PDB file of N, CA and C in Angstrom:
ATOM      1  N   MET A   1      88.571  85.605  47.295  1.00  0.00           N
ATOM      2  CA  MET A   1      89.706  86.015  47.993  1.00  0.00           C
ATOM      3  C   MET A   1      88.839  85.294  49.347  1.00  0.00           C
ATOM      4  N   THR A   2      89.728  84.983  50.049  1.00  0.00           N
ATOM      5  CA  THR A   2      89.010  84.411  51.627  1.00  0.00           C
ATOM      6  C   THR A   2      90.056  85.631  52.560  1.00  0.00           C
ATOM      7  N   ALA A   3      89.233  86.209  53.148  1.00  0.00           N
ATOM      8  CA  ALA A   3      89.619  86.776  54.240  1.00  0.00           C
ATOM      9  C   ALA A   3      90.625  86.565  55.263  1.00  0.00           C
ATOM     10  N   SER A   4      91.674  86.446  56.467  1.00  0.00           N
ATOM     11  CA  SER A   4      91.739  86.686  57.002  1.00  0.00           C
ATOM     12  C   SER A   4      92.815  87.456  58.265  1.00  0.00           C
ATOM     13  N   ILE A   5      92.476  86.840  59.419  1.00  0.00           N
ATOM     14  CA  ILE A   5      93.491  87.581  60.214  1.00  0.00           C
ATOM     15  C   ILE A   5      94.576  86.931  61.125  1.00  0.00           C
ATOM     16  N   THR A   6      96.104  87.801  61.243  1.00  0.00           N
ATOM     17  CA  THR A   6      96.577  87.207  61.757  1.00  0.00           C
ATOM     18  C   THR A   6      97.156  87.739  63.586  1.00  0.00           C
ATOM     19  N   VAL A   7      97.345  87.130  64.263  1.00  0.00           N
ATOM     20  CA  VAL A   7      97.651  87.689  65.262  1.00  0.00           C
ATOM     21  C   VAL A   7      98.554  87.122  66.127  1.00  0.00           C
ATOM     22  N   ASN A   8      99.644  87.733  66.943  1.00  0.00           N
ATOM     23  CA  ASN A   8     100.980  87.635  67.006  1.00  0.00           C
ATOM     24  C   ASN A   8     100.623  87.566  68.655  1.00  0.00           C
ATOM     25  N   LEU A   9     100.724  86.425  69.613  1.00  0.00           N
ATOM     26  CA  LEU A   9     100.663  86.216  71.160  1.00  0.00           C
ATOM     27  C   LEU A   9     101.921  84.911  71.827  1.00  0.00           C
ATOM     28  N   SER A  10     102.466  85.641  72.786  1.00  0.00           N
ATOM     29  CA  SER A  10     102.858  84.560  73.284  1.00  0.00           C
ATOM     30  C   SER A  10     102.313  83.770  73.664  1.00  0.00           C
ATOM     31  N   ASP A  11     103.862  82.567  73.511  1.00  0.00           N
ATOM     32  CA  ASP A  11     102.644  80.670  73.946  1.00  0.00           C
ATOM     33  C   ASP A  11     102.740  80.450  75.191  1.00  0.00           C
ATOM     34  N   ALA A  12     102.314  81.640  76.179  1.00  0.00           N
ATOM     35  CA  ALA A  12     101.999  81.417  77.760  1.00  0.00           C
ATOM     36  C   ALA A  12     100.828  82.004  77.278  1.00  0.00           C
ATOM     37  N   LEU A  13     100.658  83.395  76.652  1.00  0.00           N
ATOM     38  CA  LEU A  13      99.399  83.846  76.682  1.00  0.00           C
ATOM     39  C   LEU A  13      98.371  82.596  75.562  1.00  0.00           C
ATOM     40  N   TYR A  14      98.669  81.858  74.658  1.00  0.00           N
ATOM     41  CA  TYR A  14      98.199  81.344  73.812  1.00  0.00           C
ATOM     42  C   TYR A  14      97.598  80.135  74.366  1.00  0.00           C
ATOM     43  N   GLU A  15      98.479  79.979  74.854  1.00  0.00           N
ATOM     44  CA  GLU A  15      98.162  78.073  75.855  1.00  0.00           C
ATOM     45  C   GLU A  15      96.933  78.236  76.683  1.00  0.00           C
ATOM     46  N   ARG A  16      96.976  79.679  77.228  1.00  0.00           N
ATOM     47  CA  ARG A  16      95.671  79.860  78.345  1.00  0.00           C
ATOM     48  C   ARG A  16      94.720  80.077  77.845  1.00  0.00           C
ATOM     49  N   ARG A  17      94.794  81.127  77.020  1.00  0.00           N
ATOM     50  CA  ARG A  17      93.167  81.167  75.607  1.00  0.00           C
ATOM     51  C   ARG A  17      92.894  79.957  75.364  1.00  0.00           C
ATOM     52  N   LEU A  18      93.610  79.229  74.926  1.00  0.00           N
ATOM     53  CA  LEU A  18      93.501  77.516  74.289  1.00  0.00           C
ATOM     54  C   LEU A  18      92.578  76.806  75.444  1.00  0.00           C
ATOM     55  N   ARG A  19      93.334  77.049  76.919  1.00  0.00           N
ATOM     56  CA  ARG A  19      92.623  76.095  78.167  1.00  0.00           C
ATOM     57  C   ARG A  19      91.887  76.992  78.417  1.00  0.00           C
ATOM     58  N   VAL A  20      90.999  78.532  78.125  1.00  0.00           N
ATOM     59  CA  VAL A  20      89.678  78.582  79.330  1.00  0.00           C
ATOM     60  C   VAL A  20      88.373  78.228  77.719  1.00  0.00           C
ATOM     61  N   LEU A  21      89.036  78.251  76.282  1.00  0.00           N
ATOM     62  CA  LEU A  21      88.093  77.783  75.367  1.00  0.00           C
ATOM     63  C   LEU A  21      87.632  76.520  75.446  1.00  0.00           C
ATOM     64  N   ALA A  22      88.248  75.631  76.050  1.00  0.00           N
ATOM     65  CA  ALA A  22      88.419  74.175  75.965  1.00  0.00           C
ATOM     66  C   ALA A  22      87.797  73.859  77.592  1.00  0.00           C
ATOM     67  N   ALA A  23      87.863  74.615  78.194  1.00  0.00           N
ATOM     68  CA  ALA A  23      86.984  74.972  79.716  1.00  0.00           C
ATOM     69  C   ALA A  23      85.715  75.148  79.318  1.00  0.00           C
ATOM     70  N   TRP A  24      85.735  76.184  78.617  1.00  0.00           N
ATOM     71  CA  TRP A  24      84.162  76.705  77.798  1.00  0.00           C
ATOM     72  C   TRP A  24      83.365  75.251  77.546  1.00  0.00           C
ATOM     73  N   TRP A  25      83.971  74.825  76.884  1.00  0.00           N
ATOM     74  CA  TRP A  25      83.711  73.833  75.710  1.00  0.00           C
ATOM     75  C   TRP A  25      83.147  72.832  76.653  1.00  0.00           C
ATOM     76  N   CYS A  26      83.938  72.715  77.841  1.00  0.00           N
ATOM     77  CA  CYS A  26      83.925  71.185  78.342  1.00  0.00           C
ATOM     78  C   CYS A  26      82.201  71.824  79.678  1.00  0.00           C
ATOM     79  N   LEU A  27      82.419  72.947  79.733  1.00  0.00           N
ATOM     80  CA  LEU A  27      81.116  73.312  80.459  1.00  0.00           C
ATOM     81  C   LEU A  27      79.476  73.766  79.183  1.00  0.00           C
ATOM     82  N   GLY A  28      79.709  72.903  78.527  1.00  0.00           N
ATOM     83  CA  GLY A  28      78.548  73.006  77.333  1.00  0.00           C
ATOM     84  C   GLY A  28      78.594  74.474  76.241  1.00  0.00           C
ATOM     85  N   SER A  29      79.351  75.418  76.346  1.00  0.00           N
ATOM     86  CA  SER A  29      79.599  76.091  76.012  1.00  0.00           C
ATOM     87  C   SER A  29      78.138  77.347  76.521  1.00  0.00           C
ATOM     88  N   SER A  30      77.948  77.228  77.417  1.00  0.00           N
ATOM     89  CA  SER A  30      77.214  77.475  78.443  1.00  0.00           C
ATOM     90  C   SER A  30      76.736  79.594  77.925  1.00  0.00           C
ATOM     91  N   ALA A  31      75.605  79.731  78.813  1.00  0.00           N
ATOM     92  CA  ALA A  31      76.144  81.525  79.141  1.00  0.00           C
ATOM     93  C   ALA A  31      77.217  81.669  79.448  1.00  0.00           C
ATOM     94  N   LEU A  32      77.826  81.435  79.885  1.00  0.00           N
ATOM     95  CA  LEU A  32      79.240  82.025  80.154  1.00  0.00           C
ATOM     96  C   LEU A  32      80.197  82.404  79.066  1.00  0.00           C
ATOM     97  N   GLU A  33      80.369  83.146  78.791  1.00  0.00           N
ATOM     98  CA  GLU A  33      81.343  84.024  77.919  1.00  0.00           C
ATOM     99  C   GLU A  33      82.736  84.071  78.059  1.00  0.00           C
ATOM    100  N   PRO A  34      83.237  82.992  77.008  1.00  0.00           N
ATOM    101  CA  PRO A  34      84.513  83.082  77.423  1.00  0.00           C
ATOM    102  C   PRO A  34      85.732  83.884  78.371  1.00  0.00           C
ATOM    103  N   GLN A  35      85.569  85.757  78.127  1.00  0.00           N
ATOM    104  CA  GLN A  35      86.290  86.744  78.751  1.00  0.00           C
ATOM    105  C   GLN A  35      85.568  86.113  80.213  1.00  0.00           C
ATOM    106  N   LEU A  36      84.556  85.758  80.488  1.00  0.00           N
ATOM    107  CA  LEU A  36      84.699  86.091  81.830  1.00  0.00           C
ATOM    108  C   LEU A  36      85.298  84.964  82.280  1.00  0.00           C
ATOM    109  N   LEU A  37      85.623  83.818  81.602  1.00  0.00           N
ATOM    110  CA  LEU A  37      87.061  83.280  82.405  1.00  0.00           C
ATOM    111  C   LEU A  37      88.210  83.684  82.296  1.00  0.00           C
ATOM    112  N   MET A  38      88.501  84.157  81.674  1.00  0.00           N
ATOM    113  CA  MET A  38      89.542  84.762  80.962  1.00  0.00           C
ATOM    114  C   MET A  38      90.205  85.559  82.985  1.00  0.00           C
ATOM    115  N   GLN A  39      89.437  85.558  83.766  1.00  0.00           N
ATOM    116  CA  GLN A  39      90.077  87.232  84.270  1.00  0.00           C
ATOM    117  C   GLN A  39      90.650  85.697  85.668  1.00  0.00           C
ATOM    118  N   TYR A  40      90.351  84.358  85.444  1.00  0.00           N
ATOM    119  CA  TYR A  40      90.338  83.314  86.815  1.00  0.00           C
ATOM    120  C   TYR A  40      91.886  82.803  86.515  1.00  0.00           C
ATOM    121  N   GLU A  41      93.258  83.113  87.017  1.00  0.00           N
ATOM    122  CA  GLU A  41      93.864  82.271  87.162  1.00  0.00           C
ATOM    123  C   GLU A  41      94.022  80.653  87.125  1.00  0.00           C
ATOM    124  N   PRO A  42      94.538  79.976  85.811  1.00  0.00           N
ATOM    125  CA  PRO A  42      94.748  78.505  85.621  1.00  0.00           C
ATOM    126  C   PRO A  42      95.065  77.710  87.341  1.00  0.00           C
ATOM    127  N   VAL A  43      94.662  76.552  87.681  1.00  0.00           N
ATOM    128  CA  VAL A  43      95.105  76.195  88.858  1.00  0.00           C
ATOM    129  C   VAL A  43      96.292  74.972  88.880  1.00  0.00           C
ATOM    130  N   PRO A  44      97.511  75.461  89.221  1.00  0.00           N
ATOM    131  CA  PRO A  44      98.323  74.883  89.729  1.00  0.00           C
ATOM    132  C   PRO A  44      98.062  73.202  89.482  1.00  0.00           C
ATOM    133  N   PRO A  45      98.672  71.685  88.949  1.00  0.00           N
ATOM    134  CA  PRO A  45      97.910  70.615  88.386  1.00  0.00           C
ATOM    135  C   PRO A  45      98.661  70.204  89.969  1.00  0.00           C
ATOM    136  N   ALA A  46      99.871  70.571  91.041  1.00  0.00           N
ATOM    137  CA  ALA A  46      99.544  70.010  92.155  1.00  0.00           C
ATOM    138  C   ALA A  46      98.784  70.070  93.267  1.00  0.00           C
ATOM    139  N   HIS A  47      98.104  71.802  92.811  1.00  0.00           N
ATOM    140  CA  HIS A  47      96.578  71.755  93.628  1.00  0.00           C
ATOM    141  C   HIS A  47      95.430  70.651  92.856  1.00  0.00           C
ATOM    142  N   LEU A  48      95.735  70.466  91.830  1.00  0.00           N
ATOM    143  CA  LEU A  48      94.647  69.483  91.294  1.00  0.00           C
ATOM    144  C   LEU A  48      94.861  67.711  91.765  1.00  0.00           C
ATOM    145  N   ARG A  49      95.803  67.572  91.965  1.00  0.00           N
ATOM    146  CA  ARG A  49      96.000  66.060  92.692  1.00  0.00           C
ATOM    147  C   ARG A  49      96.080  66.389  94.223  1.00  0.00           C
ATOM    148  N   LEU A  50      96.152  67.425  95.291  1.00  0.00           N
ATOM    149  CA  LEU A  50      95.900  67.659  96.596  1.00  0.00           C
ATOM    150  C   LEU A  50      93.925  67.822  96.791  1.00  0.00           C
ATOM    151  N   ALA A  51      93.014  68.008  95.806  1.00  0.00           N
ATOM    152  CA  ALA A  51      92.622  67.970  95.994  1.00  0.00           C
ATOM    153  C   ALA A  51      91.256  66.205  95.004  1.00  0.00           C
ATOM    154  N   GLY A  52      92.329  65.521  94.693  1.00  0.00           N
ATOM    155  CA  GLY A  52      91.524  64.320  93.935  1.00  0.00           C
ATOM    156  C   GLY A  52      91.164  64.295  92.961  1.00  0.00           C
ATOM    157  N   LEU A  53      91.317  65.163  92.619  1.00  0.00           N
ATOM    158  CA  LEU A  53      90.884  65.684  90.669  1.00  0.00           C
ATOM    159  C   LEU A  53      92.255  65.404  89.705  1.00  0.00           C
TER     160      LEU A  53
END
Protein backbone atom coordinates (compact mmCIF):
# COMPACT_ATOMS: atom_id res chain seq x y z
CA MET A 1 0.00 0.00 0.00
CA THR A 2 1.27 3.46 -0.92
CA ALA A 3 0.60 6.36 1.44
CA SER A 4 -0.74 9.60 0.00
CA ILE A 5 -1.67 13.01 1.35
CA THR A 6 -4.52 15.09 -0.04
CA VAL A 7 -4.58 18.86 0.43
CA ASN A 8 -7.35 21.26 -0.60
CA LEU A 9 -6.11 24.70 -1.68
CA SER A 10 -7.71 27.55 -3.54
CA ASP A 11 -6.52 27.97 -7.13
CA ALA A 12 -4.81 31.27 -6.26
CA LEU A 13 -2.87 29.76 -3.36
CA TYR A 14 -1.93 26.68 -5.40
CA GLU A 15 -0.65 28.84 -8.28
CA ARG A 16 1.31 31.07 -5.89
CA ARG A 17 3.01 28.09 -4.29
CA LEU A 18 3.77 26.69 -7.72
CA ARG A 19 5.38 30.01 -8.74
CA VAL A 20 7.44 30.04 -5.53
CA LEU A 21 8.71 26.52 -6.20
CA ALA A 22 9.57 27.51 -9.78
CA ALA A 23 11.48 30.57 -8.56
CA TRP A 24 13.27 28.45 -5.97
CA TRP A 25 14.20 25.93 -8.66
CA CYS A 26 15.47 28.69 -10.98
CA LEU A 27 17.66 29.98 -8.16
CA GLY A 28 19.36 26.61 -8.20
CA SER A 29 17.56 25.18 -5.19
CA SER A 30 19.96 27.27 -3.16
CA ALA A 31 20.17 27.72 0.58
CA LEU A 32 16.99 29.80 0.37
CA GLU A 33 14.03 27.93 1.72
CA PRO A 34 10.80 28.13 -0.33
CA GLN A 35 8.98 29.34 2.81
CA LEU A 36 11.19 32.46 2.76
CA LEU A 37 10.07 33.23 -0.80
CA MET A 38 6.40 32.78 0.18
CA GLN A 39 6.65 35.98 2.25
CA TYR A 40 6.86 38.13 -0.87
CA GLU A 41 3.99 39.04 -3.16
CA PRO A 42 4.40 38.33 -6.88
CA VAL A 43 5.26 41.28 -9.13
CA PRO A 44 2.46 42.12 -11.58
CA PRO A 45 3.46 41.51 -15.25
CA ALA A 46 3.00 45.22 -16.05
CA HIS A 47 5.78 46.09 -13.62
CA LEU A 48 8.05 43.51 -15.22
CA ARG A 49 7.44 45.03 -18.67
CA LEU A 50 8.24 48.51 -17.35
CA ALA A 51 11.48 47.16 -15.92
CA GLY A 52 12.34 45.61 -19.30
CA LEU A 53 12.05 42.05 -18.05
